Amino acid sequence: MTKIPQVWALYKEVQGYYEKGMRVPDDVTLLWSDDNWGNLRRLPTPEERKRSGGAASTITSTMWRTAFLQWLNTNPIPKIQEQMNLALNYGADRYGW
């Protein structure tokens, strides 16, 4: 049997499902997202850090309004670095974008 890594992206709406009790297998990585303004919405708890799938965080750098218009996020690099370091300190180090 081949083990295929899986990630569950807990962006805005999906995070609500998780907070209401929806769960995935322990070996699935929980990918916490930002609020689209460069602030991490949530970090893994001590219990979540024990999961075999671990945790990860992502910061939005581009936003799509329509198929023809791309917005660039204006988050300064130092802010992104600060948020990613915070994620790293909380064990959200499985993947990084």
Protein backbone atom coordinates (compact mmCIF):
# COMPACT_ATOMS: atom_id res chain seq x y z
CA MET A 1 0.00 0.00 0.00
CA THR A 2 1.36 3.43 -0.97
CA LYS A 3 0.82 6.29 1.42
CA ILE A 4 -0.22 9.46 -0.41
CA PRO A 5 0.13 12.71 1.57
CA GLN A 6 -3.11 14.67 1.89
CA VAL A 7 -3.83 18.24 2.96
CA TRP A 8 -7.12 19.69 4.18
CA ALA A 9 -7.15 23.44 3.44
CA LEU A 10 -9.07 25.14 6.25
CA TYR A 11 -9.84 28.41 4.52
CA LYS A 12 -12.63 30.71 5.71
CA GLU A 13 -15.75 28.55 5.17
CA VAL A 14 -14.12 25.17 5.71
CA GLN A 15 -12.60 26.30 9.01
CA GLY A 16 -16.17 26.77 10.26
CA TYR A 17 -16.94 23.11 9.50
CA TYR A 18 -13.85 22.07 11.44
CA GLU A 19 -14.76 24.26 14.42
CA LYS A 20 -18.23 22.67 14.46
CA GLY A 21 -16.74 19.19 14.73
CA MET A 22 -15.97 17.91 11.22
CA ARG A 23 -12.76 15.88 11.32
CA VAL A 24 -10.40 14.16 8.89
CA PRO A 25 -8.06 11.21 9.49
CA ASP A 26 -5.09 11.88 11.74
CA ASP A 27 -2.57 11.56 8.89
CA VAL A 28 -4.12 14.42 6.87
CA THR A 29 -2.22 17.72 7.21
CA LEU A 30 -4.34 20.65 8.46
CA LEU A 31 -3.51 23.72 6.34
CA TRP A 32 -4.51 26.89 8.17
CA SER A 33 -5.10 29.93 5.97
CA ASP A 34 -4.88 33.66 6.46
CA ASP A 35 -7.70 36.20 6.47
CA ASN A 36 -6.78 37.45 2.95
CA TRP A 37 -5.02 40.40 4.59
CA GLY A 38 -1.93 38.51 5.71
CA ASN A 39 -3.03 37.64 9.25
CA LEU A 40 -3.17 33.96 10.13
CA ARG A 41 -6.73 33.05 11.05
CA ARG A 42 -5.69 30.35 13.48
CA LEU A 43 -2.72 28.32 14.66
CA PRO A 44 -2.68 24.66 15.68
CA THR A 45 -3.45 23.83 19.31
CA PRO A 46 -1.13 21.59 21.36
CA GLU A 47 -3.46 18.64 20.66
CA GLU A 48 -3.51 19.36 16.91
CA ARG A 49 0.30 19.50 16.91
CA LYS A 50 0.35 15.83 17.98
CA ARG A 51 -1.46 14.69 14.81
CA SER A 52 0.67 12.50 12.53
CA GLY A 53 -0.37 14.63 9.55
CA GLY A 54 0.88 17.76 11.23
CA ALA A 55 -0.12 21.29 10.33
CA ALA A 56 0.78 23.99 7.83
CA SER A 57 -0.08 27.63 7.19
CA THR A 58 -0.48 29.71 4.08
CA ILE A 59 -0.55 33.45 3.37
CA THR A 60 -2.52 34.77 0.40
CA SER A 61 -0.39 36.71 -2.05
CA THR A 62 -2.89 37.05 -4.91
CA MET A 63 -6.67 37.33 -5.10
CA TRP A 64 -8.90 36.60 -8.09
CA ARG A 65 -11.91 38.89 -8.45
CA THR A 66 -13.06 37.67 -11.88
CA ALA A 67 -11.54 35.60 -14.64
CA PHE A 68 -10.04 38.77 -16.12
CA LEU A 69 -8.89 40.72 -13.07
CA GLN A 70 -6.15 39.75 -10.66
CA TRP A 71 -5.57 41.74 -7.50
CA LEU A 72 -2.19 41.77 -5.88
CA ASN A 73 -2.28 41.65 -2.13
CA THR A 74 -0.40 44.55 -0.58
CA ASN A 75 0.98 42.62 2.39
CA PRO A 76 4.52 43.77 3.10
CA ILE A 77 7.20 41.07 3.05
CA PRO A 78 8.16 41.71 6.73
CA LYS A 79 4.55 41.01 7.78
CA ILE A 80 4.46 37.77 5.80
CA GLN A 81 7.78 36.77 7.35
CA GLU A 82 6.45 37.54 10.84
CA GLN A 83 3.29 35.48 10.28
CA MET A 84 5.21 32.54 8.80
CA ASN A 85 7.65 32.59 11.72
CA LEU A 86 4.67 32.55 14.09
CA ALA A 87 3.27 29.52 12.22
CA LEU A 88 6.66 27.81 12.44
CA ASN A 89 6.82 28.44 16.20
CA TYR A 90 3.40 26.80 16.58
CA GLY A 91 4.40 23.72 14.63
CA ALA A 92 2.59 24.58 11.39
CA ASP A 93 5.68 23.59 9.42
CA ARG A 94 4.54 20.76 7.17
CA TYR A 95 4.27 22.88 4.01
CA GLY A 96 4.73 26.54 3.23
CA TRP A 97 3.62 28.87 0.48
